[in-house]
């Protein structure tokens, strides 16, 4: 409980700094503090996951399947990506449009899989 309160207060500092400051330097330092806090939170989340897998090694298999599935979706998205429309935009090259297309394709695939999982779950409950 104490760590959550500390984290909330640490997150409130940049917000208050941006709201009540009139100078660009305060906004810049608040943004830097926010980035640092996000990185610390991400590192703690990864460390917590690794700690959980070390305590319960059977969860490692499930995690590997999940990571492998996401990697497969990403590779499929990259293969399906098309960066040919880069000429329509200013200051954008073909590589940038290919990566944007990869991200969109990955989103579409994950969305379709999520809707399919919900439909499957709902239909299997109705059958029972």
N, C-alpha and C. Protein backbone atom coordinates (compact mmCIF):
# COMPACT_ATOMS: atom_id res chain seq x y z
N UNK A 1 0.83 -1.19 0.00
CA UNK A 1 0.00 0.00 0.00
C UNK A 1 0.87 1.26 0.00
N UNK A 2 1.92 1.23 0.78
CA UNK A 2 2.81 2.39 0.86
C UNK A 2 3.52 2.66 -0.46
N UNK A 3 3.91 1.58 -1.17
CA UNK A 3 4.59 1.76 -2.45
C UNK A 3 3.64 2.35 -3.48
N UNK A 4 2.37 1.95 -3.42
CA UNK A 4 1.39 2.49 -4.36
C UNK A 4 1.17 3.99 -4.12
N UNK A 5 1.13 4.40 -2.87
CA UNK A 5 0.96 5.82 -2.55
C UNK A 5 2.18 6.60 -3.02
N UNK A 6 3.37 6.05 -2.79
CA UNK A 6 4.60 6.72 -3.26
C UNK A 6 4.61 6.85 -4.78
N UNK A 7 4.20 5.79 -5.46
CA UNK A 7 4.16 5.83 -6.92
C UNK A 7 3.15 6.86 -7.41
N UNK A 8 2.01 6.95 -6.73
CA UNK A 8 1.01 7.95 -7.11
C UNK A 8 1.51 9.36 -6.90
N UNK A 9 2.20 9.59 -5.78
CA UNK A 9 2.76 10.92 -5.54
C UNK A 9 3.85 11.25 -6.55
N UNK A 10 4.68 10.26 -6.88
CA UNK A 10 5.74 10.48 -7.87
C UNK A 10 5.14 10.79 -9.24
N UNK A 11 4.01 10.20 -9.55
CA UNK A 11 3.34 10.50 -10.82
C UNK A 11 2.64 11.84 -10.81
N UNK A 12 2.24 12.30 -9.63
CA UNK A 12 1.55 13.58 -9.53
C UNK A 12 2.50 14.76 -9.69
N UNK A 13 3.75 14.57 -9.35
CA UNK A 13 4.73 15.67 -9.44
C UNK A 13 4.86 16.21 -10.86
N UNK A 14 5.08 15.35 -11.87
CA UNK A 14 5.18 15.91 -13.23
C UNK A 14 3.88 16.56 -13.69
N UNK A 15 2.76 15.96 -13.31
CA UNK A 15 1.47 16.52 -13.72
C UNK A 15 1.28 17.91 -13.14
N UNK A 16 1.53 18.06 -11.86
CA UNK A 16 1.39 19.38 -11.24
C UNK A 16 2.41 20.37 -11.80
N UNK A 17 3.61 19.87 -12.10
CA UNK A 17 4.63 20.75 -12.69
C UNK A 17 4.20 21.29 -14.04
N UNK A 18 3.54 20.47 -14.84
CA UNK A 18 3.08 20.92 -16.16
C UNK A 18 1.89 21.86 -16.01
N UNK A 19 0.97 21.54 -15.10
CA UNK A 19 -0.22 22.37 -14.92
C UNK A 19 0.10 23.78 -14.42
N UNK A 20 0.98 23.86 -13.45
CA UNK A 20 1.18 25.13 -12.75
C UNK A 20 2.44 25.89 -13.17
N UNK A 21 3.14 25.42 -14.16
CA UNK A 21 4.36 26.13 -14.55
C UNK A 21 4.09 27.03 -15.74
N UNK A 22 4.84 28.08 -15.79
CA UNK A 22 4.74 28.98 -16.92
C UNK A 22 5.97 28.89 -17.80
N UNK A 23 6.96 28.14 -17.37
CA UNK A 23 8.21 28.10 -18.12
C UNK A 23 8.36 26.78 -18.85
N UNK A 24 9.08 26.83 -19.96
CA UNK A 24 9.32 25.63 -20.74
C UNK A 24 10.28 24.69 -20.04
N UNK A 25 11.17 25.20 -19.22
CA UNK A 25 12.14 24.34 -18.54
C UNK A 25 11.44 23.42 -17.54
N UNK A 26 10.41 23.92 -16.87
CA UNK A 26 9.67 23.08 -15.92
C UNK A 26 8.90 21.99 -16.66
N UNK A 27 8.33 22.34 -17.81
CA UNK A 27 7.62 21.35 -18.61
C UNK A 27 8.60 20.29 -19.10
N UNK A 28 9.77 20.70 -19.56
CA UNK A 28 10.77 19.76 -20.04
C UNK A 28 11.22 18.83 -18.93
N UNK A 29 11.48 19.36 -17.76
CA UNK A 29 11.92 18.51 -16.65
C UNK A 29 10.78 17.58 -16.21
N UNK A 30 9.54 18.03 -16.28
CA UNK A 30 8.41 17.17 -15.94
C UNK A 30 8.27 16.03 -16.93
N UNK A 31 8.50 16.31 -18.20
CA UNK A 31 8.44 15.27 -19.22
C UNK A 31 9.56 14.26 -19.01
N UNK A 32 10.75 14.73 -18.70
CA UNK A 32 11.88 13.82 -18.43
C UNK A 32 11.58 12.96 -17.21
N UNK A 33 11.04 13.54 -16.16
CA UNK A 33 10.68 12.78 -14.97
C UNK A 33 9.62 11.74 -15.29
N UNK A 34 8.67 12.08 -16.13
CA UNK A 34 7.63 11.14 -16.54
C UNK A 34 8.24 9.96 -17.30
N UNK A 35 9.15 10.23 -18.21
CA UNK A 35 9.81 9.16 -18.96
C UNK A 35 10.58 8.25 -18.02
N UNK A 36 11.29 8.83 -17.06
CA UNK A 36 12.03 8.03 -16.09
C UNK A 36 11.09 7.15 -15.28
N UNK A 37 9.96 7.70 -14.85
CA UNK A 37 9.00 6.92 -14.07
C UNK A 37 8.39 5.79 -14.90
N UNK A 38 8.12 6.03 -16.16
CA UNK A 38 7.58 4.98 -17.02
C UNK A 38 8.61 3.88 -17.21
N UNK A 39 9.88 4.25 -17.40
CA UNK A 39 10.93 3.24 -17.56
C UNK A 39 11.10 2.42 -16.28
N UNK A 40 11.05 3.07 -15.12
CA UNK A 40 11.17 2.34 -13.86
C UNK A 40 9.99 1.38 -13.69
N UNK A 41 8.79 1.83 -14.03
CA UNK A 41 7.61 0.97 -13.93
C UNK A 41 7.73 -0.23 -14.88
N UNK A 42 8.22 0.00 -16.08
CA UNK A 42 8.39 -1.10 -17.04
C UNK A 42 9.42 -2.10 -16.54
N UNK A 43 10.53 -1.60 -16.00
CA UNK A 43 11.56 -2.50 -15.46
C UNK A 43 11.04 -3.30 -14.27
N UNK A 44 10.26 -2.67 -13.41
CA UNK A 44 9.68 -3.40 -12.28
C UNK A 44 8.68 -4.45 -12.74
N UNK A 45 7.91 -4.15 -13.78
CA UNK A 45 6.97 -5.12 -14.30
C UNK A 45 7.70 -6.33 -14.89
N UNK A 46 8.76 -6.09 -15.63
CA UNK A 46 9.54 -7.20 -16.20
C UNK A 46 10.22 -8.00 -15.09
N UNK A 47 10.77 -7.31 -14.11
CA UNK A 47 11.42 -8.01 -12.99
C UNK A 47 10.42 -8.85 -12.21
N UNK A 48 9.22 -8.34 -12.03
CA UNK A 48 8.19 -9.10 -11.33
C UNK A 48 7.80 -10.36 -12.12
N UNK A 49 7.71 -10.23 -13.42
CA UNK A 49 7.38 -11.39 -14.26
C UNK A 49 8.48 -12.43 -14.21
N UNK A 50 9.72 -11.98 -14.31
CA UNK A 50 10.85 -12.91 -14.25
C UNK A 50 10.90 -13.60 -12.89
N UNK A 51 10.66 -12.85 -11.83
CA UNK A 51 10.63 -13.42 -10.49
C UNK A 51 9.53 -14.48 -10.38
N UNK A 52 8.36 -14.20 -10.93
CA UNK A 52 7.27 -15.17 -10.90
C UNK A 52 7.61 -16.44 -11.67
N UNK A 53 8.33 -16.29 -12.78
CA UNK A 53 8.71 -17.47 -13.56
C UNK A 53 9.79 -18.28 -12.86
N UNK A 54 10.67 -17.61 -12.13
CA UNK A 54 11.69 -18.34 -11.38
C UNK A 54 11.07 -19.10 -10.23
N UNK A 55 10.04 -18.54 -9.61
CA UNK A 55 9.36 -19.22 -8.51
C UNK A 55 8.53 -20.39 -9.04
N UNK A 56 7.85 -20.18 -10.16
CA UNK A 56 6.99 -21.22 -10.74
C UNK A 56 7.44 -21.48 -12.18
N UNK A 57 8.36 -22.41 -12.39
CA UNK A 57 8.91 -22.63 -13.74
C UNK A 57 7.89 -23.15 -14.76
N UNK A 58 6.76 -23.70 -14.29
CA UNK A 58 5.77 -24.17 -15.26
C UNK A 58 5.14 -23.00 -16.02
N UNK A 59 5.16 -21.82 -15.44
CA UNK A 59 4.65 -20.64 -16.12
C UNK A 59 5.55 -20.19 -17.26
N UNK A 60 6.79 -20.66 -17.26
CA UNK A 60 7.74 -20.30 -18.31
C UNK A 60 7.27 -20.80 -19.66
N UNK A 61 6.69 -21.99 -19.69
CA UNK A 61 6.20 -22.56 -20.96
C UNK A 61 5.07 -21.71 -21.52
N UNK A 62 4.15 -21.32 -20.65
CA UNK A 62 3.03 -20.48 -21.10
C UNK A 62 3.53 -19.13 -21.60
N UNK A 63 4.48 -18.56 -20.91
CA UNK A 63 5.05 -17.28 -21.33
C UNK A 63 5.75 -17.42 -22.67
N UNK A 64 6.48 -18.50 -22.86
CA UNK A 64 7.18 -18.72 -24.13
C UNK A 64 6.19 -18.89 -25.28
N UNK A 65 5.08 -19.56 -25.02
CA UNK A 65 4.06 -19.72 -26.06
C UNK A 65 3.47 -18.35 -26.42
N UNK A 66 3.19 -17.53 -25.42
CA UNK A 66 2.64 -16.20 -25.68
C UNK A 66 3.59 -15.31 -26.44
N UNK A 67 4.84 -15.30 -26.02
CA UNK A 67 5.85 -14.47 -26.70
C UNK A 67 6.08 -14.98 -28.12
N UNK A 68 6.12 -16.29 -28.29
CA UNK A 68 6.30 -16.86 -29.63
C UNK A 68 5.13 -16.54 -30.54
N UNK A 69 3.92 -16.56 -30.00
CA UNK A 69 2.75 -16.22 -30.80
C UNK A 69 2.79 -14.77 -31.24
N UNK A 70 3.14 -13.87 -30.32
CA UNK A 70 3.25 -12.46 -30.69
C UNK A 70 4.36 -12.23 -31.71
N UNK A 71 5.46 -12.95 -31.55
CA UNK A 71 6.55 -12.83 -32.53
C UNK A 71 6.09 -13.33 -33.90
N UNK A 72 5.33 -14.43 -33.92
CA UNK A 72 4.79 -14.95 -35.17
C UNK A 72 3.84 -13.96 -35.83
N UNK A 73 2.98 -13.33 -35.03
CA UNK A 73 2.07 -12.32 -35.57
C UNK A 73 2.86 -11.15 -36.14
N UNK A 74 3.90 -10.74 -35.44
CA UNK A 74 4.72 -9.62 -35.91
C UNK A 74 5.42 -9.96 -37.23
N UNK A 75 5.97 -11.18 -37.34
CA UNK A 75 6.65 -11.58 -38.58
C UNK A 75 5.65 -11.65 -39.72
N UNK A 76 4.47 -12.22 -39.46
CA UNK A 76 3.44 -12.29 -40.49
C UNK A 76 3.01 -10.88 -40.91
N UNK A 77 2.90 -9.98 -39.96
CA UNK A 77 2.51 -8.60 -40.26
C UNK A 77 3.57 -7.92 -41.11
N UNK A 78 4.83 -8.16 -40.81
CA UNK A 78 5.91 -7.55 -41.59
C UNK A 78 5.92 -8.10 -43.02
N UNK A 79 5.68 -9.39 -43.16
CA UNK A 79 5.66 -10.00 -44.49
C UNK A 79 4.50 -9.43 -45.32
N UNK A 80 3.36 -9.21 -44.67
CA UNK A 80 2.19 -8.71 -45.38
C UNK A 80 2.23 -7.19 -45.59
N UNK A 81 3.15 -6.50 -44.93
CA UNK A 81 3.19 -5.03 -44.99
C UNK A 81 3.60 -4.55 -46.36
N UNK A 82 3.02 -3.41 -46.73
CA UNK A 82 3.33 -2.81 -48.01
C UNK A 82 3.73 -1.35 -47.77
N UNK A 83 4.89 -0.98 -48.22
CA UNK A 83 5.36 0.38 -48.01
C UNK A 83 5.38 1.19 -49.28
N UNK A 84 4.55 0.81 -50.25
CA UNK A 84 4.63 1.44 -51.57
C UNK A 84 3.97 2.81 -51.64
N UNK A 85 3.17 3.19 -50.66
CA UNK A 85 2.47 4.46 -50.76
C UNK A 85 3.22 5.61 -50.09
N UNK A 86 4.53 5.47 -49.91
CA UNK A 86 5.32 6.51 -49.24
C UNK A 86 5.38 7.80 -50.04
N UNK A 87 5.19 7.74 -51.33
CA UNK A 87 5.28 8.94 -52.17
C UNK A 87 4.13 9.90 -51.90
N UNK A 88 3.06 9.41 -51.31
CA UNK A 88 1.89 10.26 -51.03
C UNK A 88 2.14 11.21 -49.86
N UNK A 89 3.17 10.96 -49.05
CA UNK A 89 3.40 11.74 -47.84
C UNK A 89 4.71 12.50 -47.94
N UNK A 90 4.79 13.61 -47.20
CA UNK A 90 6.02 14.40 -47.18
C UNK A 90 6.94 13.90 -46.07
N UNK A 91 8.23 13.94 -46.31
CA UNK A 91 9.26 13.58 -45.33
C UNK A 91 9.09 12.17 -44.78
N UNK A 92 8.62 11.25 -45.61
CA UNK A 92 8.43 9.86 -45.20
C UNK A 92 9.07 8.98 -46.26
N UNK A 93 9.85 8.00 -45.81
CA UNK A 93 10.45 7.08 -46.77
C UNK A 93 9.69 5.75 -46.76
N UNK A 94 10.12 4.85 -47.63
CA UNK A 94 9.43 3.57 -47.77
C UNK A 94 9.54 2.72 -46.51
N UNK A 95 10.66 2.79 -45.83
CA UNK A 95 10.85 2.00 -44.61
C UNK A 95 9.85 2.41 -43.53
N UNK A 96 9.64 3.71 -43.39
CA UNK A 96 8.70 4.19 -42.38
C UNK A 96 7.29 3.69 -42.67
N UNK A 97 6.85 3.79 -43.92
CA UNK A 97 5.50 3.33 -44.25
C UNK A 97 5.38 1.82 -44.11
N UNK A 98 6.46 1.10 -44.35
CA UNK A 98 6.41 -0.36 -44.17
C UNK A 98 6.24 -0.70 -42.69
N UNK A 99 6.94 0.01 -41.80
CA UNK A 99 6.80 -0.25 -40.36
C UNK A 99 5.43 0.16 -39.84
N UNK A 100 4.90 1.25 -40.35
CA UNK A 100 3.55 1.66 -39.97
C UNK A 100 2.55 0.62 -40.43
N UNK A 101 2.71 0.13 -41.64
CA UNK A 101 1.84 -0.92 -42.16
C UNK A 101 1.97 -2.20 -41.34
N UNK A 102 3.18 -2.50 -40.89
CA UNK A 102 3.39 -3.67 -40.03
C UNK A 102 2.61 -3.53 -38.73
N UNK A 103 2.68 -2.36 -38.12
CA UNK A 103 1.94 -2.14 -36.88
C UNK A 103 0.44 -2.24 -37.08
N UNK A 104 -0.06 -1.67 -38.16
CA UNK A 104 -1.49 -1.76 -38.44
C UNK A 104 -1.91 -3.21 -38.70
N UNK A 105 -1.12 -3.93 -39.47
CA UNK A 105 -1.44 -5.33 -39.74
C UNK A 105 -1.45 -6.15 -38.45
N UNK A 106 -0.48 -5.91 -37.58
CA UNK A 106 -0.44 -6.63 -36.30
C UNK A 106 -1.68 -6.31 -35.47
N UNK A 107 -2.08 -5.05 -35.47
CA UNK A 107 -3.30 -4.66 -34.75
C UNK A 107 -4.51 -5.37 -35.32
N UNK A 108 -4.64 -5.40 -36.63
CA UNK A 108 -5.80 -6.05 -37.26
C UNK A 108 -5.82 -7.54 -36.94
N UNK A 109 -4.67 -8.19 -37.01
CA UNK A 109 -4.62 -9.63 -36.72
C UNK A 109 -4.99 -9.89 -35.27
N UNK A 110 -4.43 -9.12 -34.35
CA UNK A 110 -4.76 -9.31 -32.93
C UNK A 110 -6.23 -9.01 -32.66
N UNK A 111 -6.79 -8.00 -33.32
CA UNK A 111 -8.20 -7.68 -33.14
C UNK A 111 -9.08 -8.82 -33.63
N UNK A 112 -8.77 -9.35 -34.80
CA UNK A 112 -9.56 -10.45 -35.35
C UNK A 112 -9.46 -11.69 -34.44
N UNK A 113 -8.26 -11.97 -33.95
CA UNK A 113 -8.10 -13.11 -33.03
C UNK A 113 -8.87 -12.89 -31.73
N UNK A 114 -8.87 -11.67 -31.22
CA UNK A 114 -9.59 -11.39 -29.98
C UNK A 114 -11.10 -11.53 -30.18
N UNK A 115 -11.62 -11.01 -31.27
CA UNK A 115 -13.05 -11.15 -31.55
C UNK A 115 -13.40 -12.62 -31.75
N UNK A 116 -12.54 -13.35 -32.45
CA UNK A 116 -12.77 -14.79 -32.63
C UNK A 116 -12.77 -15.54 -31.31
N UNK A 117 -11.88 -15.18 -30.39
CA UNK A 117 -11.83 -15.84 -29.09
C UNK A 117 -13.09 -15.54 -28.28
N UNK A 118 -13.58 -14.31 -28.34
CA UNK A 118 -14.81 -13.96 -27.63
C UNK A 118 -16.00 -14.71 -28.22
N UNK A 119 -16.09 -14.75 -29.54
CA UNK A 119 -17.18 -15.49 -30.18
C UNK A 119 -17.12 -16.98 -29.85
N UNK A 120 -15.94 -17.55 -29.90
CA UNK A 120 -15.78 -18.97 -29.57
C UNK A 120 -16.20 -19.24 -28.13
N UNK A 121 -15.77 -18.39 -27.23
CA UNK A 121 -16.12 -18.56 -25.82
C UNK A 121 -17.63 -18.44 -25.61
N UNK A 122 -18.23 -17.48 -26.25
CA UNK A 122 -19.68 -17.28 -26.11
C UNK A 122 -20.45 -18.44 -26.70
N UNK A 123 -20.07 -18.88 -27.89
CA UNK A 123 -20.78 -19.98 -28.53
C UNK A 123 -20.60 -21.29 -27.78
N UNK A 124 -19.42 -21.52 -27.21
CA UNK A 124 -19.21 -22.76 -26.46
C UNK A 124 -20.01 -22.76 -25.18
N UNK A 125 -20.23 -21.58 -24.56
CA UNK A 125 -21.07 -21.51 -23.36
C UNK A 125 -22.54 -21.74 -23.71
N UNK A 126 -22.97 -21.24 -24.86
CA UNK A 126 -24.35 -21.44 -25.28
C UNK A 126 -24.62 -22.92 -25.54
N UNK A 127 -23.67 -23.61 -26.13
CA UNK A 127 -23.84 -25.04 -26.43
C UNK A 127 -23.97 -25.89 -25.19
N UNK A 128 -23.36 -25.47 -24.09
CA UNK A 128 -23.40 -26.28 -22.87
C UNK A 128 -24.69 -26.16 -22.17
